[in-house]
């Protein structure tokens, strides 16, 4: 999963947990996403809604990368995500 993270997201994850990306991801206890439900693409940004998770992605020169994961919608507020870049 670490290779799928956007650079700023990976850096934020490692810095906030003071551990390697692999250890940090395991420590976040992210849900198993399950099957894909919908994908919304807006230019270079995308939202992927899975059965048990929502991911936000951005397009980089080397492909799409995850900028936020473990996201849950909040009533009349933005999503709250366990893993995100600054």
N, C-alpha and C. Protein backbone atom coordinates (compact mmCIF):
# COMPACT_ATOMS: atom_id res chain seq x y z
N UNK A 1 0.82 -1.19 0.00
CA UNK A 1 0.00 0.00 0.00
C UNK A 1 0.86 1.25 0.00
N UNK A 2 2.02 1.19 0.59
CA UNK A 2 2.85 2.39 0.69
C UNK A 2 3.21 2.96 -0.68
N UNK A 3 3.43 2.10 -1.67
CA UNK A 3 3.75 2.59 -3.01
C UNK A 3 2.55 3.27 -3.65
N UNK A 4 1.35 2.97 -3.18
CA UNK A 4 0.13 3.57 -3.74
C UNK A 4 -0.18 4.92 -3.11
N UNK A 5 0.51 5.29 -2.03
CA UNK A 5 0.25 6.56 -1.36
C UNK A 5 0.95 7.71 -2.07
N UNK A 6 0.30 8.86 -2.07
CA UNK A 6 0.91 10.09 -2.58
C UNK A 6 2.10 10.44 -1.68
N UNK A 7 3.11 11.08 -2.23
CA UNK A 7 4.31 11.40 -1.43
C UNK A 7 4.01 12.15 -0.13
N UNK A 8 3.16 13.18 -0.18
CA UNK A 8 2.86 13.95 1.04
C UNK A 8 2.07 13.12 2.05
N UNK A 9 1.23 12.23 1.56
CA UNK A 9 0.46 11.37 2.45
C UNK A 9 1.37 10.39 3.16
N UNK A 10 2.28 9.80 2.41
CA UNK A 10 3.23 8.87 3.00
C UNK A 10 4.11 9.57 4.03
N UNK A 11 4.60 10.76 3.70
CA UNK A 11 5.46 11.51 4.62
C UNK A 11 4.70 11.87 5.91
N UNK A 12 3.47 12.32 5.77
CA UNK A 12 2.65 12.67 6.94
C UNK A 12 2.41 11.46 7.83
N UNK A 13 2.12 10.32 7.21
CA UNK A 13 1.87 9.09 7.94
C UNK A 13 3.10 8.67 8.73
N UNK A 14 4.26 8.68 8.09
CA UNK A 14 5.50 8.29 8.76
C UNK A 14 5.88 9.27 9.86
N UNK A 15 5.70 10.56 9.60
CA UNK A 15 6.07 11.57 10.59
C UNK A 15 5.16 11.51 11.81
N UNK A 16 3.86 11.39 11.59
CA UNK A 16 2.94 11.41 12.72
C UNK A 16 3.07 10.17 13.61
N UNK A 17 3.44 9.04 13.02
CA UNK A 17 3.58 7.82 13.82
C UNK A 17 5.02 7.53 14.21
N UNK A 18 5.95 8.30 13.65
CA UNK A 18 7.37 8.10 13.91
C UNK A 18 7.80 6.66 13.64
N UNK A 19 7.31 6.11 12.52
CA UNK A 19 7.62 4.74 12.13
C UNK A 19 7.67 4.66 10.60
N UNK A 20 8.11 3.53 10.11
CA UNK A 20 8.14 3.33 8.66
C UNK A 20 6.71 3.33 8.12
N UNK A 21 6.58 3.52 6.83
CA UNK A 21 5.26 3.51 6.22
C UNK A 21 4.54 2.20 6.48
N UNK A 22 5.20 1.08 6.28
CA UNK A 22 4.58 -0.23 6.47
C UNK A 22 4.05 -0.38 7.89
N UNK A 23 4.87 -0.06 8.88
CA UNK A 23 4.43 -0.17 10.28
C UNK A 23 3.30 0.82 10.57
N UNK A 24 3.40 2.01 9.99
CA UNK A 24 2.38 3.03 10.21
C UNK A 24 1.03 2.60 9.66
N UNK A 25 1.02 2.06 8.45
CA UNK A 25 -0.24 1.62 7.84
C UNK A 25 -0.88 0.52 8.67
N UNK A 26 -0.07 -0.43 9.11
CA UNK A 26 -0.62 -1.51 9.94
C UNK A 26 -1.17 -0.98 11.25
N UNK A 27 -0.54 0.05 11.79
CA UNK A 27 -0.99 0.65 13.05
C UNK A 27 -2.28 1.43 12.91
N UNK A 28 -2.64 1.83 11.71
CA UNK A 28 -3.86 2.60 11.50
C UNK A 28 -5.12 1.73 11.52
N UNK A 29 -4.96 0.43 11.43
CA UNK A 29 -6.10 -0.49 11.46
C UNK A 29 -7.18 -0.08 10.46
N UNK A 30 -6.75 0.14 9.22
CA UNK A 30 -7.67 0.54 8.17
C UNK A 30 -8.63 -0.59 7.84
N UNK A 31 -9.87 -0.24 7.50
CA UNK A 31 -10.84 -1.29 7.17
C UNK A 31 -10.52 -1.95 5.84
N UNK A 32 -10.94 -3.20 5.69
CA UNK A 32 -10.88 -3.85 4.39
C UNK A 32 -11.91 -3.13 3.53
N UNK A 33 -11.50 -2.59 2.40
CA UNK A 33 -12.37 -1.77 1.58
C UNK A 33 -13.54 -2.50 0.96
N UNK A 34 -13.31 -3.73 0.53
CA UNK A 34 -14.36 -4.46 -0.14
C UNK A 34 -14.50 -4.05 -1.60
N UNK A 35 -15.61 -4.43 -2.18
CA UNK A 35 -15.86 -4.17 -3.59
C UNK A 35 -16.10 -2.68 -3.84
N UNK A 36 -15.72 -2.25 -5.04
CA UNK A 36 -15.96 -0.87 -5.43
C UNK A 36 -17.43 -0.60 -5.68
N UNK A 37 -17.88 0.55 -5.26
CA UNK A 37 -19.27 0.96 -5.49
C UNK A 37 -19.35 2.05 -6.54
N UNK A 38 -18.63 3.16 -6.32
CA UNK A 38 -18.65 4.26 -7.29
C UNK A 38 -17.29 4.91 -7.36
N UNK A 39 -17.05 5.55 -8.50
CA UNK A 39 -15.84 6.34 -8.70
C UNK A 39 -16.27 7.67 -9.30
N UNK A 40 -15.89 8.76 -8.67
CA UNK A 40 -16.16 10.11 -9.18
C UNK A 40 -14.83 10.74 -9.54
N UNK A 41 -14.66 11.15 -10.78
CA UNK A 41 -13.41 11.78 -11.21
C UNK A 41 -13.70 13.23 -11.59
N UNK A 42 -12.91 14.12 -11.05
CA UNK A 42 -13.02 15.55 -11.34
C UNK A 42 -11.62 16.05 -11.69
N UNK A 43 -11.31 16.04 -12.97
CA UNK A 43 -9.98 16.45 -13.41
C UNK A 43 -8.92 15.49 -12.90
N UNK A 44 -8.02 15.99 -12.07
CA UNK A 44 -6.92 15.17 -11.54
C UNK A 44 -7.21 14.64 -10.14
N UNK A 45 -8.45 14.75 -9.69
CA UNK A 45 -8.87 14.28 -8.37
C UNK A 45 -9.95 13.22 -8.54
N UNK A 46 -10.00 12.26 -7.61
CA UNK A 46 -11.03 11.22 -7.68
C UNK A 46 -11.42 10.78 -6.28
N UNK A 47 -12.67 10.32 -6.19
CA UNK A 47 -13.17 9.71 -4.95
C UNK A 47 -13.61 8.30 -5.32
N UNK A 48 -13.13 7.31 -4.57
CA UNK A 48 -13.49 5.92 -4.81
C UNK A 48 -14.24 5.43 -3.57
N UNK A 49 -15.51 5.11 -3.76
CA UNK A 49 -16.34 4.63 -2.66
C UNK A 49 -16.38 3.11 -2.74
N UNK A 50 -15.89 2.47 -1.69
CA UNK A 50 -15.89 1.02 -1.57
C UNK A 50 -16.98 0.60 -0.59
N UNK A 51 -17.18 -0.68 -0.43
CA UNK A 51 -18.19 -1.16 0.52
C UNK A 51 -17.95 -0.66 1.94
N UNK A 52 -16.68 -0.65 2.37
CA UNK A 52 -16.38 -0.34 3.77
C UNK A 52 -15.37 0.79 3.95
N UNK A 53 -15.11 1.55 2.90
CA UNK A 53 -14.11 2.62 2.98
C UNK A 53 -14.34 3.59 1.83
N UNK A 54 -13.77 4.76 1.95
CA UNK A 54 -13.73 5.73 0.86
C UNK A 54 -12.30 6.21 0.74
N UNK A 55 -11.80 6.25 -0.49
CA UNK A 55 -10.45 6.71 -0.78
C UNK A 55 -10.52 7.98 -1.63
N UNK A 56 -9.57 8.86 -1.45
CA UNK A 56 -9.42 10.03 -2.31
C UNK A 56 -8.07 9.90 -3.01
N UNK A 57 -8.06 10.15 -4.32
CA UNK A 57 -6.86 9.99 -5.12
C UNK A 57 -6.56 11.26 -5.90
N UNK A 58 -5.29 11.42 -6.25
CA UNK A 58 -4.85 12.49 -7.15
C UNK A 58 -3.99 11.86 -8.22
N UNK A 59 -4.00 12.49 -9.39
CA UNK A 59 -3.19 11.99 -10.50
C UNK A 59 -1.81 12.64 -10.46
N UNK A 60 -0.78 11.81 -10.51
CA UNK A 60 0.61 12.23 -10.52
C UNK A 60 1.23 11.79 -11.84
N UNK A 61 2.44 12.28 -12.17
CA UNK A 61 3.08 11.86 -13.42
C UNK A 61 3.22 10.34 -13.56
N UNK A 62 3.38 9.63 -12.44
CA UNK A 62 3.53 8.17 -12.50
C UNK A 62 2.23 7.42 -12.21
N UNK A 63 1.09 8.12 -12.26
CA UNK A 63 -0.20 7.46 -12.09
C UNK A 63 -1.00 8.01 -10.92
N UNK A 64 -2.13 7.37 -10.65
CA UNK A 64 -3.01 7.77 -9.56
C UNK A 64 -2.44 7.30 -8.22
N UNK A 65 -2.48 8.19 -7.22
CA UNK A 65 -1.98 7.88 -5.88
C UNK A 65 -3.04 8.24 -4.85
N UNK A 66 -3.06 7.50 -3.76
CA UNK A 66 -4.01 7.73 -2.67
C UNK A 66 -3.53 8.91 -1.82
N UNK A 67 -4.40 9.91 -1.68
CA UNK A 67 -4.07 11.05 -0.81
C UNK A 67 -4.79 10.97 0.53
N UNK A 68 -5.84 10.13 0.60
CA UNK A 68 -6.54 9.93 1.87
C UNK A 68 -7.23 8.57 1.84
N UNK A 69 -7.22 7.88 2.98
CA UNK A 69 -7.84 6.56 3.10
C UNK A 69 -8.46 6.42 4.48
N UNK A 70 -9.32 5.42 4.62
CA UNK A 70 -10.00 5.23 5.89
C UNK A 70 -10.96 6.38 6.15
N UNK A 71 -11.61 6.86 5.10
CA UNK A 71 -12.46 8.05 5.19
C UNK A 71 -13.92 7.70 5.42
N UNK A 72 -14.53 8.43 6.33
CA UNK A 72 -15.95 8.27 6.64
C UNK A 72 -16.64 9.63 6.48
N UNK A 73 -17.82 9.63 5.86
CA UNK A 73 -18.54 10.91 5.73
C UNK A 73 -19.04 11.39 7.09
N UNK A 74 -19.07 12.69 7.24
CA UNK A 74 -19.59 13.33 8.46
C UNK A 74 -20.79 14.18 8.05
N UNK A 75 -21.82 14.20 8.84
CA UNK A 75 -22.99 15.00 8.51
C UNK A 75 -22.62 16.45 8.28
N UNK A 76 -22.97 16.96 7.14
CA UNK A 76 -22.77 18.36 6.73
C UNK A 76 -21.35 18.87 7.00
N UNK A 77 -20.36 17.97 6.97
CA UNK A 77 -18.96 18.34 7.11
C UNK A 77 -18.14 17.48 6.16
N UNK A 78 -16.88 17.84 5.94
CA UNK A 78 -16.04 17.01 5.08
C UNK A 78 -15.81 15.62 5.69
N UNK A 79 -15.33 14.72 4.85
CA UNK A 79 -14.99 13.38 5.32
C UNK A 79 -13.93 13.46 6.41
N UNK A 80 -13.95 12.52 7.32
CA UNK A 80 -12.90 12.37 8.31
C UNK A 80 -12.08 11.16 7.91
N UNK A 81 -10.78 11.34 7.71
CA UNK A 81 -9.92 10.28 7.18
C UNK A 81 -8.84 9.91 8.19
N UNK A 82 -8.57 8.62 8.31
CA UNK A 82 -7.53 8.15 9.22
C UNK A 82 -6.14 8.43 8.66
N UNK A 83 -5.99 8.28 7.36
CA UNK A 83 -4.70 8.51 6.70
C UNK A 83 -4.91 9.62 5.69
N UNK A 84 -4.09 10.69 5.79
CA UNK A 84 -4.18 11.80 4.86
C UNK A 84 -2.90 12.60 4.86
N UNK A 85 -2.67 13.28 3.78
CA UNK A 85 -1.50 14.17 3.68
C UNK A 85 -1.87 15.57 4.13
N UNK A 86 -0.85 16.36 4.35
CA UNK A 86 -1.11 17.74 4.77
C UNK A 86 -1.18 18.67 3.58
